[in-house]
C-alpha cells in the first residue's frame, strides 16, 4: 500500500500494463512469461486491474555464523514483478517479509502461517489502497507468481524429505533410490 503513496513508484507499478514493449518470443520482463499469461487467463478479474501485483517469494536458510548451523536464519523475501525490469531487483523494492531465527525444520509452517494468511487475503479480497499517481482509491490485490528456493529449502518448505530413500519431493514414496557403493550415498 505504501508504494502507491509515491506518484513516481505508483506509475512504475503499472508499467507492465502501460509502457511495456512486447517483443514476440523475447522474455524481457516477467510479464512476458507463460506464468503471467496463465494468471491473466485464469483470473480475468484480477488481470483487469493493472495495479494488481504479481509477486515472487524467495526463502532459504542462511548461515550467518560461518559453519555453526544453530545460528542460521531464514529470510523470506518478496519481490514485486510489476515494476520495470531495472527496478524489480533493486534492494529498495525487495521486501523482507519474514525473518525466522534458527533452523525451523518441520515447524516452518507455524512461522509462515501469518504470511500465507496475508497473501490469501490479498488474493481473495484485496485491500483498499490510495493511488497517488491516479489520485483515486482502488482495491489492491496480489498473487504469488513464483517461489524461488533451492532444493533443500523446497524440502523444508513442503515438509518433505529431500535426501535419503524418499529424497524427491515430487515422487515422495515412489522415489526410485539406489545406494552408490563407492561413496555410500543415496
Protein backbone atom coordinates (compact mmCIF):
# COMPACT_ATOMS: atom_id res chain seq x y z
CA UNK A 1 0.00 0.00 0.00
CA UNK A 2 2.81 2.40 0.84
CA UNK A 3 4.43 2.06 -2.57
CA UNK A 4 1.30 3.52 -4.15
CA UNK A 5 1.64 6.65 -1.98
CA UNK A 6 4.54 7.84 -4.12
CA UNK A 7 3.44 9.19 -7.53
CA UNK A 8 6.61 8.01 -9.26
CA UNK A 9 6.54 4.49 -7.82
CA UNK A 10 2.77 4.18 -8.35
CA UNK A 11 3.33 5.00 -12.04
CA UNK A 12 6.19 2.45 -12.23
CA UNK A 13 3.96 -0.24 -10.68
CA UNK A 14 1.72 -0.15 -13.75
CA UNK A 15 4.48 -0.02 -16.37
CA UNK A 16 3.97 -3.70 -17.28
CA UNK A 17 0.46 -2.83 -18.48
CA UNK A 18 1.00 0.67 -19.85
CA UNK A 19 4.54 1.11 -21.18
CA UNK A 20 5.93 -2.36 -21.86
CA UNK A 21 7.15 -3.09 -25.35
CA UNK A 22 6.10 -6.59 -26.40
CA UNK A 23 8.80 -8.45 -28.34
CA UNK A 24 7.31 -11.72 -29.56
CA UNK A 25 9.49 -14.63 -28.49
CA UNK A 26 11.69 -12.47 -26.23
CA UNK A 27 11.45 -12.60 -22.45
CA UNK A 28 12.40 -9.06 -21.44
CA UNK A 29 10.03 -8.69 -18.47
CA UNK A 30 8.31 -11.21 -16.18
CA UNK A 31 5.03 -10.10 -17.83
CA UNK A 32 6.26 -11.85 -21.00
CA UNK A 33 6.32 -15.24 -19.25
CA UNK A 34 3.80 -18.04 -19.73
CA UNK A 35 3.11 -17.99 -15.96
CA UNK A 36 2.00 -14.34 -16.13
CA UNK A 37 -0.27 -15.12 -19.10
CA UNK A 38 -1.72 -18.15 -17.28
CA UNK A 39 -2.67 -15.98 -14.28
CA UNK A 40 -4.30 -13.43 -16.57
CA UNK A 41 -6.21 -16.18 -18.44
CA UNK A 42 -7.37 -17.99 -15.31
CA UNK A 43 -8.29 -14.86 -13.31
CA UNK A 44 -9.60 -12.20 -15.74
CA UNK A 45 -10.98 -10.04 -12.89
CA UNK A 46 -7.51 -9.92 -11.37
CA UNK A 47 -5.93 -9.09 -14.74
CA UNK A 48 -8.44 -6.30 -15.45
CA UNK A 49 -6.83 -4.08 -12.78
CA UNK A 50 -3.30 -3.15 -13.96
CA UNK A 51 -2.31 -2.10 -10.43
CA UNK A 52 -2.76 -5.61 -9.02
CA UNK A 53 0.61 -7.04 -8.04
CA UNK A 54 2.37 -10.17 -9.25
CA UNK A 55 4.85 -11.30 -6.58
CA UNK A 56 7.79 -13.61 -6.21
CA UNK A 57 8.62 -15.15 -2.83
CA UNK A 58 12.15 -16.29 -2.01
CA UNK A 59 13.09 -18.31 1.07
CA UNK A 60 16.24 -20.11 2.11
CA UNK A 61 18.33 -20.72 5.18
CA UNK A 62 21.38 -18.52 5.64
CA UNK A 63 24.25 -19.46 7.93
CA UNK A 64 25.27 -16.14 9.48
CA UNK A 65 27.92 -17.62 11.78
CA UNK A 66 30.13 -19.46 9.26
CA UNK A 67 29.60 -23.12 9.91
CA UNK A 68 27.51 -23.03 13.08
CA UNK A 69 24.13 -24.25 11.78
CA UNK A 70 22.37 -23.47 15.07
CA UNK A 71 22.79 -19.75 14.35
CA UNK A 72 21.22 -19.72 10.90
CA UNK A 73 18.29 -17.55 9.87
CA UNK A 74 15.59 -17.98 7.23
CA UNK A 75 14.77 -14.70 5.46
CA UNK A 76 11.59 -14.70 3.37
CA UNK A 77 11.82 -12.03 0.68
CA UNK A 78 9.06 -10.66 -1.56
CA UNK A 79 9.76 -9.21 -5.00
CA UNK A 80 7.25 -7.15 -7.00
CA UNK A 81 7.39 -8.10 -10.68
CA UNK A 82 5.09 -5.31 -11.88
CA UNK A 83 7.99 -2.86 -11.76
CA UNK A 84 10.18 -2.20 -14.80
CA UNK A 85 12.94 -4.81 -15.19
CA UNK A 86 15.66 -2.43 -13.99
CA UNK A 87 13.76 -1.84 -10.73
CA UNK A 88 12.44 -5.35 -9.90
CA UNK A 89 15.65 -6.48 -8.24
CA UNK A 90 16.74 -3.19 -6.69
CA UNK A 91 17.27 -3.51 -2.95
CA UNK A 92 14.71 -0.84 -2.07
CA UNK A 93 11.94 -2.83 -3.80
CA UNK A 94 12.73 -6.23 -2.28
CA UNK A 95 10.74 -6.59 0.92
CA UNK A 96 11.89 -8.62 3.90
CA UNK A 97 8.53 -10.17 4.72
CA UNK A 98 9.65 -12.56 7.42
CA UNK A 99 12.83 -13.44 9.31
CA UNK A 100 12.87 -16.81 11.03
CA UNK A 101 15.61 -17.21 13.61
CA UNK A 102 17.39 -20.56 13.81
CA UNK A 103 16.63 -23.65 11.78
CA UNK A 104 12.83 -24.00 11.64
CA UNK A 105 12.76 -27.60 10.36
CA UNK A 106 9.28 -29.13 10.34
CA UNK A 107 7.84 -26.17 12.29
CA UNK A 108 8.36 -23.71 9.44
CA UNK A 109 4.61 -23.74 8.71
CA UNK A 110 3.99 -22.13 12.12
CA UNK A 111 6.21 -19.19 11.14
CA UNK A 112 4.81 -18.92 7.61
CA UNK A 113 1.11 -19.17 8.54
CA UNK A 114 0.51 -15.42 9.18
CA UNK A 115 2.36 -14.51 5.98
CA UNK A 116 0.33 -17.03 3.96
CA UNK A 117 -2.88 -15.68 5.54
CA UNK A 118 -1.93 -12.14 4.43
CA UNK A 119 -1.19 -13.34 0.89
CA UNK A 120 -4.51 -15.20 0.80
CA UNK A 121 -6.34 -12.06 1.96
CA UNK A 122 -4.63 -10.02 -0.77
CA UNK A 123 -5.64 -12.52 -3.43
CA UNK A 124 -9.21 -13.25 -2.29
CA UNK A 125 -10.41 -9.83 -1.13
CA UNK A 126 -7.69 -7.21 -1.63
CA UNK A 127 -7.13 -4.12 0.48
CA UNK A 128 -8.32 -0.57 -0.04
CA UNK A 129 -5.37 1.48 -1.32
CA UNK A 130 -4.83 5.06 -2.46
CA UNK A 131 -3.01 5.53 -5.79
CA UNK A 132 -1.14 8.87 -5.63
CA UNK A 133 -0.45 8.85 -9.39
CA UNK A 134 -4.09 8.30 -10.46
CA UNK A 135 -5.34 10.14 -7.34
CA UNK A 136 -8.00 7.56 -6.58
CA UNK A 137 -8.75 4.69 -4.25
CA UNK A 138 -8.81 1.14 -5.56
CA UNK A 139 -8.83 -2.42 -4.25
CA UNK A 140 -5.25 -3.75 -4.38
CA UNK A 141 -4.94 -7.50 -4.93
CA UNK A 142 -1.82 -9.62 -5.28
CA UNK A 143 -0.91 -13.10 -6.47
CA UNK A 144 2.24 -15.15 -5.95
CA UNK A 145 3.60 -15.83 -9.41
CA UNK A 146 6.74 -17.75 -8.42
CA UNK A 147 8.58 -19.04 -5.40
CA UNK A 148 12.35 -19.12 -5.52
CA UNK A 149 14.34 -21.60 -3.44
CA UNK A 150 16.98 -24.29 -3.68
CA UNK A 151 16.19 -28.00 -3.39
CA UNK A 152 16.83 -28.36 0.38
CA UNK A 153 14.66 -25.28 1.02
CA UNK A 154 11.93 -26.82 -1.16
CA UNK A 155 12.03 -29.90 1.06
CA UNK A 156 11.81 -27.81 4.22
CA UNK A 157 9.02 -25.58 2.88
CA UNK A 158 6.98 -28.51 1.58
CA UNK A 159 7.56 -30.66 4.67
CA UNK A 160 9.07 -33.44 2.55
CA UNK A 161 12.33 -35.29 2.79
CA UNK A 162 14.84 -34.09 0.23
CA UNK A 163 17.51 -36.72 0.82
CA UNK A 164 17.72 -40.43 1.55
CA UNK A 165 15.41 -43.12 0.24
CA UNK A 166 12.47 -40.77 -0.43
CA UNK A 167 14.52 -37.76 -1.48
CA UNK A 168 12.33 -36.49 -4.31
CA UNK A 169 9.67 -34.04 -3.14
CA UNK A 170 7.66 -34.76 -6.30
CA UNK A 171 7.79 -38.57 -6.26
CA UNK A 172 7.70 -38.99 -2.47
CA UNK A 173 7.26 -42.63 -1.50
CA UNK A 174 7.60 -43.74 -5.12
CA UNK A 175 11.15 -42.36 -5.42
CA UNK A 176 13.43 -44.83 -7.18
CA UNK A 177 16.53 -44.91 -4.99
CA UNK A 178 19.83 -46.74 -5.18
CA UNK A 179 22.86 -46.57 -2.95
CA UNK A 180 26.17 -45.78 -4.64
CA UNK A 181 28.59 -48.43 -3.35
CA UNK A 182 31.79 -46.36 -3.56
CA UNK A 183 30.52 -43.18 -1.91
CA UNK A 184 27.85 -44.61 0.44
CA UNK A 185 25.37 -42.00 -0.78
CA UNK A 186 21.77 -42.39 -1.92
